[in-house]
Structures are given as structure tokens and as C-alpha cells.
Amino acid sequence: MKRCLPIILVLLLAAPAIAQEPALTNQPVRFRAVDVLVDSRGKPLAAYQLEVSARKGTVKIVGIEGGEHPAFKDPPFYDPKAMQHERVIIAAFSTAKAERLPRGRTRVATIHVQVTGEEQPQYRVKCQAAASLEGEKIPVTASLEERRAK
């Protein structure tokens, strides 16, 4: 134990020098929720894959939650590593019967972001795939809406 004591003391004394201080900035930081909407144009939506990104502004994705319809209430699949940047691909599917799938416009997910700076962010969503229960490709329109603070 006596031999370990000097090593422990050195590590404890060196820890503050080794630890990194968080980056301080004078830029304002705010958090926003961005709803991801898909309009399946009346067809039952069973699966989707979307790319969501920030085109403008300093944005960091900090969380992803599921949608409003029971078929997509769980968070979609995504790459946590990619989420650490301003872009993420999300995807989900449901094996529910057609009558239990959303038709028309529905919120399939919500992306939570941290915005740094004064610039108002602009977002982009690109639909990479959407399908019916039978796996047939269906045309959809995807859009994003930033929630307004209440």
C-alpha cells in the first residue's frame, strides 16, 4: 500500500491539469424540438427511412424520440455516432395490420437539437424510402416543423 500511495497522489494532483475544461462561448445556446412529418397520401405507411440535416446554423442533434401514431411511438433506428453531428438518418418499420398504420400526414419522430449562435437554423429532410405493409414503395412527402415555445 505504501508503494501505491505516491502513485495515487501523483494521479490526483495531475488530474486537474489533464482534465479538459468545457469550451466556453459567448454565443447564446438554446434547445429546440423539430417534428418529422410524413404524408403517405392516404396509403398505409409501414416503413420509412429519412435523412435529416441542418443546412444553415450551428446545430447539434442531442436526442431523437418516436412519433405520435402508435405504429411509430418508439424512437426510430439511427446511428448514434452520426447523430453527434448536424445530420442523421432515421428509419422505422411496423408490422401492424394495414388498418392500424397511419394514413396521410403524421409525426413519425421528433429530433431534439442544440442551436448555438444567433443564426436561425434551416433544416432539410430527404426521403430515402417509404413502403407499404407488403414492402411496396409508396410515394410520400416528408417535412420538418420546429415546435414553438409555449
N, C-alpha and C. Protein backbone atom coordinates (compact mmCIF):
# COMPACT_ATOMS: atom_id res chain seq x y z
N MET A 1 0.82 -1.19 0.00
CA MET A 1 0.00 0.00 0.00
C MET A 1 0.86 1.25 0.00
N LYS A 2 1.99 1.21 0.75
CA LYS A 2 2.87 2.37 0.82
C LYS A 2 3.45 2.69 -0.56
N ARG A 3 3.69 1.68 -1.37
CA ARG A 3 4.25 1.89 -2.70
C ARG A 3 3.21 2.53 -3.63
N CYS A 4 1.95 2.24 -3.43
CA CYS A 4 0.87 2.78 -4.29
C CYS A 4 0.53 4.21 -3.94
N LEU A 5 0.75 4.60 -2.69
CA LEU A 5 0.37 5.93 -2.23
C LEU A 5 1.01 7.05 -3.07
N PRO A 6 2.31 7.03 -3.36
CA PRO A 6 2.89 8.09 -4.18
C PRO A 6 2.27 8.15 -5.58
N ILE A 7 1.98 7.02 -6.14
CA ILE A 7 1.37 6.98 -7.49
C ILE A 7 -0.02 7.58 -7.45
N ILE A 8 -0.80 7.24 -6.43
CA ILE A 8 -2.15 7.78 -6.30
C ILE A 8 -2.10 9.29 -6.10
N LEU A 9 -1.17 9.76 -5.28
CA LEU A 9 -1.02 11.20 -5.06
C LEU A 9 -0.66 11.94 -6.35
N VAL A 10 0.24 11.37 -7.13
CA VAL A 10 0.63 11.99 -8.40
C VAL A 10 -0.58 12.06 -9.34
N LEU A 11 -1.34 11.00 -9.42
CA LEU A 11 -2.52 10.98 -10.29
C LEU A 11 -3.56 11.99 -9.84
N LEU A 12 -3.79 12.09 -8.54
CA LEU A 12 -4.76 13.05 -8.03
C LEU A 12 -4.33 14.49 -8.27
N LEU A 13 -3.06 14.76 -8.11
CA LEU A 13 -2.56 16.11 -8.33
C LEU A 13 -2.53 16.48 -9.81
N ALA A 14 -2.29 15.49 -10.66
CA ALA A 14 -2.21 15.75 -12.10
C ALA A 14 -3.58 15.80 -12.76
N ALA A 15 -4.60 15.26 -12.12
CA ALA A 15 -5.93 15.18 -12.74
C ALA A 15 -6.45 16.53 -13.23
N PRO A 16 -6.36 17.61 -12.44
CA PRO A 16 -6.86 18.89 -12.94
C PRO A 16 -6.13 19.37 -14.19
N ALA A 17 -4.85 19.07 -14.28
CA ALA A 17 -4.09 19.50 -15.45
C ALA A 17 -4.44 18.68 -16.68
N ILE A 18 -4.80 17.41 -16.46
CA ILE A 18 -5.13 16.53 -17.58
C ILE A 18 -6.56 16.75 -18.06
N ALA A 19 -7.47 16.99 -17.13
CA ALA A 19 -8.88 17.16 -17.49
C ALA A 19 -9.05 18.39 -18.37
N GLN A 20 -9.94 18.27 -19.33
CA GLN A 20 -10.22 19.39 -20.22
C GLN A 20 -11.37 20.21 -19.68
N GLU A 21 -11.21 21.50 -19.75
CA GLU A 21 -12.28 22.41 -19.37
C GLU A 21 -13.30 22.46 -20.50
N PRO A 22 -14.58 22.57 -20.20
CA PRO A 22 -15.55 22.70 -21.27
C PRO A 22 -15.34 24.01 -22.01
N ALA A 23 -15.60 23.97 -23.31
CA ALA A 23 -15.42 25.17 -24.13
C ALA A 23 -16.46 26.21 -23.72
N LEU A 24 -16.00 27.37 -23.36
CA LEU A 24 -16.90 28.46 -23.00
C LEU A 24 -17.09 29.35 -24.22
N THR A 25 -18.29 29.82 -24.39
CA THR A 25 -18.58 30.66 -25.53
C THR A 25 -19.52 31.77 -25.10
N ASN A 26 -19.43 32.87 -25.79
CA ASN A 26 -20.35 33.97 -25.52
C ASN A 26 -21.59 33.86 -26.39
N GLN A 27 -21.64 32.84 -27.23
CA GLN A 27 -22.78 32.63 -28.11
C GLN A 27 -23.97 32.09 -27.31
N PRO A 28 -25.18 32.57 -27.62
CA PRO A 28 -26.35 32.00 -26.94
C PRO A 28 -26.58 30.55 -27.37
N VAL A 29 -27.03 29.74 -26.44
CA VAL A 29 -27.33 28.34 -26.71
C VAL A 29 -28.79 28.11 -26.36
N ARG A 30 -29.51 27.47 -27.26
CA ARG A 30 -30.92 27.16 -27.00
C ARG A 30 -31.22 25.76 -27.52
N PHE A 31 -32.26 25.17 -26.99
CA PHE A 31 -32.66 23.83 -27.39
C PHE A 31 -34.01 23.90 -28.08
N ARG A 32 -34.17 23.11 -29.13
CA ARG A 32 -35.41 23.11 -29.91
C ARG A 32 -35.83 21.67 -30.21
N ALA A 33 -37.12 21.50 -30.45
CA ALA A 33 -37.67 20.22 -30.89
C ALA A 33 -38.16 20.40 -32.32
N VAL A 34 -37.73 19.49 -33.19
CA VAL A 34 -38.10 19.55 -34.60
C VAL A 34 -38.90 18.29 -34.93
N ASP A 35 -40.17 18.49 -35.28
CA ASP A 35 -41.04 17.36 -35.62
C ASP A 35 -40.78 16.90 -37.04
N VAL A 36 -40.72 15.58 -37.22
CA VAL A 36 -40.52 14.98 -38.53
C VAL A 36 -41.87 14.42 -38.96
N LEU A 37 -42.38 14.94 -40.07
CA LEU A 37 -43.71 14.56 -40.55
C LEU A 37 -43.61 13.83 -41.88
N VAL A 38 -44.45 12.83 -42.04
CA VAL A 38 -44.53 12.10 -43.31
C VAL A 38 -45.98 12.06 -43.73
N ASP A 39 -46.23 12.41 -44.99
CA ASP A 39 -47.58 12.33 -45.57
C ASP A 39 -47.57 11.20 -46.58
N SER A 40 -48.29 10.13 -46.26
CA SER A 40 -48.33 8.95 -47.13
C SER A 40 -49.44 9.02 -48.17
N ARG A 41 -50.09 10.16 -48.24
CA ARG A 41 -51.13 10.41 -49.26
C ARG A 41 -52.23 9.36 -49.25
N GLY A 42 -52.67 9.02 -48.05
CA GLY A 42 -53.80 8.10 -47.91
C GLY A 42 -53.44 6.63 -47.90
N LYS A 43 -52.22 6.30 -48.19
CA LYS A 43 -51.81 4.88 -48.18
C LYS A 43 -51.26 4.53 -46.79
N PRO A 44 -51.43 3.28 -46.35
CA PRO A 44 -50.89 2.90 -45.04
C PRO A 44 -49.36 2.91 -45.07
N LEU A 45 -48.75 3.66 -44.14
CA LEU A 45 -47.30 3.77 -44.06
C LEU A 45 -46.77 2.72 -43.08
N ALA A 46 -45.96 1.77 -43.59
CA ALA A 46 -45.42 0.72 -42.74
C ALA A 46 -43.93 0.91 -42.46
N ALA A 47 -43.23 1.63 -43.33
CA ALA A 47 -41.79 1.81 -43.14
C ALA A 47 -41.33 3.10 -43.80
N TYR A 48 -40.27 3.67 -43.23
CA TYR A 48 -39.67 4.86 -43.82
C TYR A 48 -38.19 4.93 -43.46
N GLN A 49 -37.45 5.64 -44.29
CA GLN A 49 -36.06 6.00 -43.98
C GLN A 49 -35.85 7.41 -44.49
N LEU A 50 -35.40 8.29 -43.59
CA LEU A 50 -35.25 9.71 -43.91
C LEU A 50 -33.87 10.20 -43.48
N GLU A 51 -33.35 11.16 -44.23
CA GLU A 51 -32.13 11.86 -43.82
C GLU A 51 -32.53 13.26 -43.39
N VAL A 52 -32.15 13.64 -42.17
CA VAL A 52 -32.47 14.96 -41.64
C VAL A 52 -31.15 15.67 -41.38
N SER A 53 -31.07 16.92 -41.83
CA SER A 53 -29.82 17.67 -41.63
C SER A 53 -30.12 19.15 -41.45
N ALA A 54 -29.11 19.85 -40.96
CA ALA A 54 -29.19 21.31 -40.84
C ALA A 54 -28.43 21.90 -42.01
N ARG A 55 -29.10 22.75 -42.79
CA ARG A 55 -28.46 23.40 -43.93
C ARG A 55 -27.78 24.70 -43.51
N LYS A 56 -28.28 25.28 -42.45
CA LYS A 56 -27.79 26.59 -42.03
C LYS A 56 -27.87 26.65 -40.51
N GLY A 57 -26.87 27.27 -39.89
CA GLY A 57 -26.86 27.41 -38.45
C GLY A 57 -25.93 26.40 -37.81
N THR A 58 -25.60 26.64 -36.55
CA THR A 58 -24.74 25.73 -35.79
C THR A 58 -25.65 24.86 -34.95
N VAL A 59 -25.85 23.65 -35.41
CA VAL A 59 -26.84 22.74 -34.83
C VAL A 59 -26.18 21.42 -34.45
N LYS A 60 -26.51 20.93 -33.28
CA LYS A 60 -26.06 19.61 -32.84
C LYS A 60 -27.29 18.81 -32.43
N ILE A 61 -27.43 17.62 -32.97
CA ILE A 61 -28.56 16.77 -32.62
C ILE A 61 -28.26 16.14 -31.26
N VAL A 62 -29.19 16.30 -30.32
CA VAL A 62 -28.96 15.80 -28.95
C VAL A 62 -29.94 14.71 -28.53
N GLY A 63 -30.96 14.44 -29.33
CA GLY A 63 -31.90 13.40 -28.96
C GLY A 63 -32.91 13.13 -30.05
N ILE A 64 -33.45 11.92 -30.03
CA ILE A 64 -34.47 11.52 -31.02
C ILE A 64 -35.54 10.74 -30.28
N GLU A 65 -36.80 11.11 -30.51
CA GLU A 65 -37.91 10.37 -29.88
C GLU A 65 -38.88 9.91 -30.96
N GLY A 66 -39.77 9.02 -30.58
CA GLY A 66 -40.72 8.45 -31.50
C GLY A 66 -41.83 9.42 -31.88
N GLY A 67 -42.76 8.93 -32.67
CA GLY A 67 -43.83 9.75 -33.21
C GLY A 67 -45.13 9.67 -32.43
N GLU A 68 -46.18 10.26 -33.03
CA GLU A 68 -47.46 10.34 -32.36
C GLU A 68 -48.34 9.12 -32.61
N HIS A 69 -48.22 8.49 -33.77
CA HIS A 69 -49.05 7.33 -34.10
C HIS A 69 -48.51 6.10 -33.37
N PRO A 70 -49.39 5.25 -32.85
CA PRO A 70 -48.93 4.05 -32.13
C PRO A 70 -47.95 3.17 -32.94
N ALA A 71 -48.08 3.15 -34.25
CA ALA A 71 -47.19 2.33 -35.08
C ALA A 71 -45.75 2.84 -35.04
N PHE A 72 -45.56 4.12 -34.72
CA PHE A 72 -44.22 4.71 -34.71
C PHE A 72 -43.93 5.43 -33.39
N LYS A 73 -44.52 4.96 -32.29
CA LYS A 73 -44.33 5.63 -30.99
C LYS A 73 -42.93 5.41 -30.44
N ASP A 74 -42.28 4.31 -30.77
CA ASP A 74 -40.91 4.07 -30.32
C ASP A 74 -39.95 4.90 -31.16
N PRO A 75 -38.81 5.29 -30.58
CA PRO A 75 -37.84 6.06 -31.37
C PRO A 75 -37.39 5.27 -32.60
N PRO A 76 -37.15 5.96 -33.70
CA PRO A 76 -36.68 5.26 -34.89
C PRO A 76 -35.24 4.77 -34.71
N PHE A 77 -34.81 3.90 -35.60
CA PHE A 77 -33.42 3.45 -35.60
C PHE A 77 -32.56 4.58 -36.16
N TYR A 78 -31.34 4.72 -35.64
CA TYR A 78 -30.42 5.74 -36.13
C TYR A 78 -29.01 5.37 -35.69
N ASP A 79 -28.03 6.02 -36.30
CA ASP A 79 -26.64 5.80 -35.95
C ASP A 79 -26.25 6.84 -34.90
N PRO A 80 -26.03 6.43 -33.65
CA PRO A 80 -25.70 7.40 -32.59
C PRO A 80 -24.45 8.23 -32.90
N LYS A 81 -23.49 7.63 -33.60
CA LYS A 81 -22.27 8.36 -33.95
C LYS A 81 -22.58 9.48 -34.94
N ALA A 82 -23.40 9.18 -35.93
CA ALA A 82 -23.78 10.20 -36.92
C ALA A 82 -24.62 11.29 -36.29
N MET A 83 -25.38 10.92 -35.26
CA MET A 83 -26.26 11.88 -34.60
C MET A 83 -25.48 12.99 -33.92
N GLN A 84 -24.21 12.76 -33.62
CA GLN A 84 -23.42 13.76 -32.92
C GLN A 84 -23.08 14.94 -33.82
N HIS A 85 -23.46 14.89 -35.04
CA HIS A 85 -23.19 15.97 -35.97
C HIS A 85 -24.51 16.63 -36.35
N GLU A 86 -24.53 17.38 -37.42
CA GLU A 86 -25.73 18.10 -37.82
C GLU A 86 -26.59 17.30 -38.80
N ARG A 87 -26.37 15.99 -38.89
CA ARG A 87 -27.08 15.15 -39.85
C ARG A 87 -27.32 13.78 -39.24
N VAL A 88 -28.49 13.21 -39.55
CA VAL A 88 -28.78 11.85 -39.08
C VAL A 88 -29.74 11.18 -40.05
N ILE A 89 -29.61 9.87 -40.17
CA ILE A 89 -30.56 9.07 -40.95
C ILE A 89 -31.38 8.29 -39.93
N ILE A 90 -32.71 8.43 -40.04
CA ILE A 90 -33.61 7.71 -39.14
C ILE A 90 -34.46 6.75 -39.96
N ALA A 91 -34.83 5.65 -39.37
CA ALA A 91 -35.64 4.66 -40.07
C ALA A 91 -36.48 3.89 -39.06
N ALA A 92 -37.67 3.49 -39.50
CA ALA A 92 -38.55 2.69 -38.65
C ALA A 92 -39.48 1.86 -39.53
N PHE A 93 -40.00 0.80 -38.95
CA PHE A 93 -40.99 -0.02 -39.64
C PHE A 93 -41.98 -0.57 -38.63
N SER A 94 -43.13 -0.91 -39.13
CA SER A 94 -44.16 -1.50 -38.29
C SER A 94 -44.73 -2.72 -39.01
N THR A 95 -45.01 -3.76 -38.25
CA THR A 95 -45.64 -4.96 -38.82
C THR A 95 -47.12 -5.02 -38.46
N ALA A 96 -47.66 -3.90 -38.01
CA ALA A 96 -49.09 -3.86 -37.66
C ALA A 96 -49.94 -4.07 -38.92
N LYS A 97 -51.16 -4.48 -38.73
CA LYS A 97 -52.08 -4.64 -39.86
C LYS A 97 -52.34 -3.29 -40.51
N ALA A 98 -52.70 -3.31 -41.77
CA ALA A 98 -52.88 -2.08 -42.54
C ALA A 98 -53.84 -1.10 -41.87
N GLU A 99 -54.90 -1.60 -41.25
CA GLU A 99 -55.87 -0.71 -40.61
C GLU A 99 -55.30 -0.04 -39.35
N ARG A 100 -54.16 -0.52 -38.88
CA ARG A 100 -53.53 0.08 -37.69
C ARG A 100 -52.31 0.93 -38.05
N LEU A 101 -52.10 1.18 -39.32
CA LEU A 101 -50.98 2.02 -39.77
C LEU A 101 -51.47 3.43 -40.08
N PRO A 102 -50.60 4.41 -39.94
CA PRO A 102 -51.03 5.78 -40.25
C PRO A 102 -51.27 5.97 -41.74
N ARG A 103 -52.24 6.79 -42.06
CA ARG A 103 -52.53 7.18 -43.44
C ARG A 103 -52.57 8.69 -43.45
N GLY A 104 -51.99 9.28 -44.46
CA GLY A 104 -51.97 10.73 -44.51
C GLY A 104 -50.78 11.28 -43.75
N ARG A 105 -50.95 12.50 -43.24
CA ARG A 105 -49.86 13.21 -42.57
C ARG A 105 -49.78 12.82 -41.09
N THR A 106 -48.59 12.39 -40.66
CA THR A 106 -48.39 12.00 -39.27
C THR A 106 -46.96 12.33 -38.83
N ARG A 107 -46.81 12.63 -37.55
CA ARG A 107 -45.47 12.86 -36.99
C ARG A 107 -44.87 11.50 -36.68
N VAL A 108 -43.75 11.17 -37.35
CA VAL A 108 -43.12 9.87 -37.16
C VAL A 108 -41.97 9.93 -36.15
N ALA A 109 -41.47 11.14 -35.87
CA ALA A 109 -40.36 11.29 -34.91
C ALA A 109 -40.23 12.76 -34.53
N THR A 110 -39.47 13.00 -33.47
CA THR A 110 -39.09 14.35 -33.09
C THR A 110 -37.59 14.33 -32.83
N ILE A 111 -36.90 15.30 -33.41
CA ILE A 111 -35.45 15.42 -33.23
C ILE A 111 -35.19 16.63 -32.35
N HIS A 112 -34.45 16.42 -31.28
CA HIS A 112 -34.10 17.50 -30.36
C HIS A 112 -32.71 18.01 -30.73
N VAL A 113 -32.58 19.33 -30.85
CA VAL A 113 -31.33 19.92 -31.27
C VAL A 113 -30.87 21.00 -30.30
N GLN A 114 -29.57 21.21 -30.29
CA GLN A 114 -28.95 22.32 -29.56
C GLN A 114 -28.47 23.30 -30.62
N VAL A 115 -28.93 24.53 -30.53
CA VAL A 115 -28.58 25.56 -31.50
C VAL A 115 -27.67 26.57 -30.80
N THR A 116 -26.51 26.83 -31.40
CA THR A 116 -25.57 27.79 -30.84
C THR A 116 -25.47 28.99 -31.77
N GLY A 117 -25.53 30.17 -31.21
CA GLY A 117 -25.41 31.39 -32.01
C GLY A 117 -26.75 32.01 -32.31
N GLU A 118 -26.68 33.17 -32.94
CA GLU A 118 -27.89 33.95 -33.26
C GLU A 118 -28.60 33.47 -34.52
N GLU A 119 -27.85 32.83 -35.41
CA GLU A 119 -28.42 32.45 -36.70
C GLU A 119 -29.56 31.45 -36.54
N GLN A 120 -30.66 31.74 -37.23
CA GLN A 120 -31.81 30.84 -37.21
C GLN A 120 -31.49 29.62 -38.08
N PRO A 121 -31.56 28.41 -37.53
CA PRO A 121 -31.23 27.23 -38.33
C PRO A 121 -32.27 26.95 -39.41
N GLN A 122 -31.79 26.34 -40.47
CA GLN A 122 -32.68 25.84 -41.53
C GLN A 122 -32.39 24.36 -41.66
N TYR A 123 -33.46 23.59 -41.76
CA TYR A 123 -33.33 22.14 -41.78
C TYR A 123 -33.75 21.60 -43.15
N ARG A 124 -33.28 20.37 -43.40
CA ARG A 124 -33.64 19.70 -44.65
C ARG A 124 -33.98 18.25 -44.31
N VAL A 125 -35.00 17.73 -44.98
CA VAL A 125 -35.33 16.31 -44.84
C VAL A 125 -35.42 15.71 -46.24
N LYS A 126 -34.83 14.56 -46.38
CA LYS A 126 -34.83 13.86 -47.66
C LYS A 126 -35.34 12.44 -47.43
N CYS A 127 -36.39 12.09 -48.15
CA CYS A 127 -36.96 10.74 -48.02
C CYS A 127 -36.12 9.79 -48.86
N GLN A 128 -35.56 8.79 -48.21
CA GLN A 128 -34.77 7.79 -48.92
C GLN A 128 -35.59 6.56 -49.27
N ALA A 129 -36.63 6.29 -48.48
CA ALA A 129 -37.50 5.14 -48.77
C ALA A 129 -38.77 5.24 -47.94
N ALA A 130 -39.85 4.72 -48.49
CA ALA A 130 -41.12 4.57 -47.78
C ALA A 130 -41.83 3.38 -48.40
N ALA A 131 -42.49 2.59 -47.55
CA ALA A 131 -43.11 1.38 -48.07
C ALA A 131 -44.41 1.04 -47.35
N SER A 132 -45.21 0.26 -48.07
CA SER A 132 -46.46 -0.27 -47.52
C SER A 132 -46.15 -1.53 -46.73
N LEU A 133 -47.16 -2.13 -46.14
CA LEU A 133 -47.00 -3.35 -45.36
C LEU A 133 -46.47 -4.50 -46.23
N GLU A 134 -46.83 -4.49 -47.49
CA GLU A 134 -46.37 -5.54 -48.41
C GLU A 134 -44.96 -5.28 -48.92
N GLY A 135 -44.35 -4.18 -48.49
CA GLY A 135 -43.00 -3.86 -48.92
C GLY A 135 -42.94 -3.10 -50.24
N GLU A 136 -44.10 -2.67 -50.72
CA GLU A 136 -44.13 -1.90 -51.97
C GLU A 136 -43.76 -0.45 -51.68
N LYS A 137 -42.93 0.11 -52.57
CA LYS A 137 -42.55 1.51 -52.43
C LYS A 137 -43.78 2.39 -52.62
N ILE A 138 -43.94 3.37 -51.73
CA ILE A 138 -45.06 4.30 -51.86
C ILE A 138 -44.52 5.73 -51.89
N PRO A 139 -45.17 6.59 -52.66
CA PRO A 139 -44.72 7.98 -52.68
C PRO A 139 -45.18 8.71 -51.42
N VAL A 140 -44.27 9.43 -50.80
CA VAL A 140 -44.60 10.20 -49.60
C VAL A 140 -43.96 11.58 -49.71
N THR A 141 -44.45 12.47 -48.88
CA THR A 141 -43.84 13.78 -48.72
C THR A 141 -43.39 13.89 -47.28
N ALA A 142 -42.12 14.26 -47.09
CA ALA A 142 -41.59 14.43 -45.74
C ALA A 142 -41.35 15.91 -45.50
N SER A 143 -41.60 16.34 -44.26
CA SER A 143 -41.36 17.74 -43.91
C SER A 143 -40.96 17.85 -42.45
N LEU A 144 -40.43 19.02 -42.10
CA LEU A 144 -39.99 19.28 -40.73
C LEU A 144 -40.67 20.54 -40.22
N GLU A 145 -41.02 20.53 -38.95
CA GLU A 145 -41.61 21.71 -38.31
C GLU A 145 -40.96 21.89 -36.95
N GLU A 146 -40.36 23.06 -36.74
CA GLU A 146 -39.79 23.36 -35.44
C GLU A 146 -40.93 23.76 -34.51
N ARG A 147 -40.97 23.13 -33.36
CA ARG A 147 -42.01 23.48 -32.38
C ARG A 147 -41.73 24.87 -31.80
N ARG A 148 -42.78 25.59 -31.61
CA ARG A 148 -42.66 26.91 -30.99
C ARG A 148 -42.81 26.79 -29.50
N ALA A 149 -42.04 27.55 -28.76
CA ALA A 149 -42.13 27.52 -27.29
C ALA A 149 -43.49 28.04 -26.86
N LYS A 150 -44.05 27.41 -25.83
CA LYS A 150 -45.38 27.81 -25.36
C LYS A 150 -45.27 28.84 -24.29
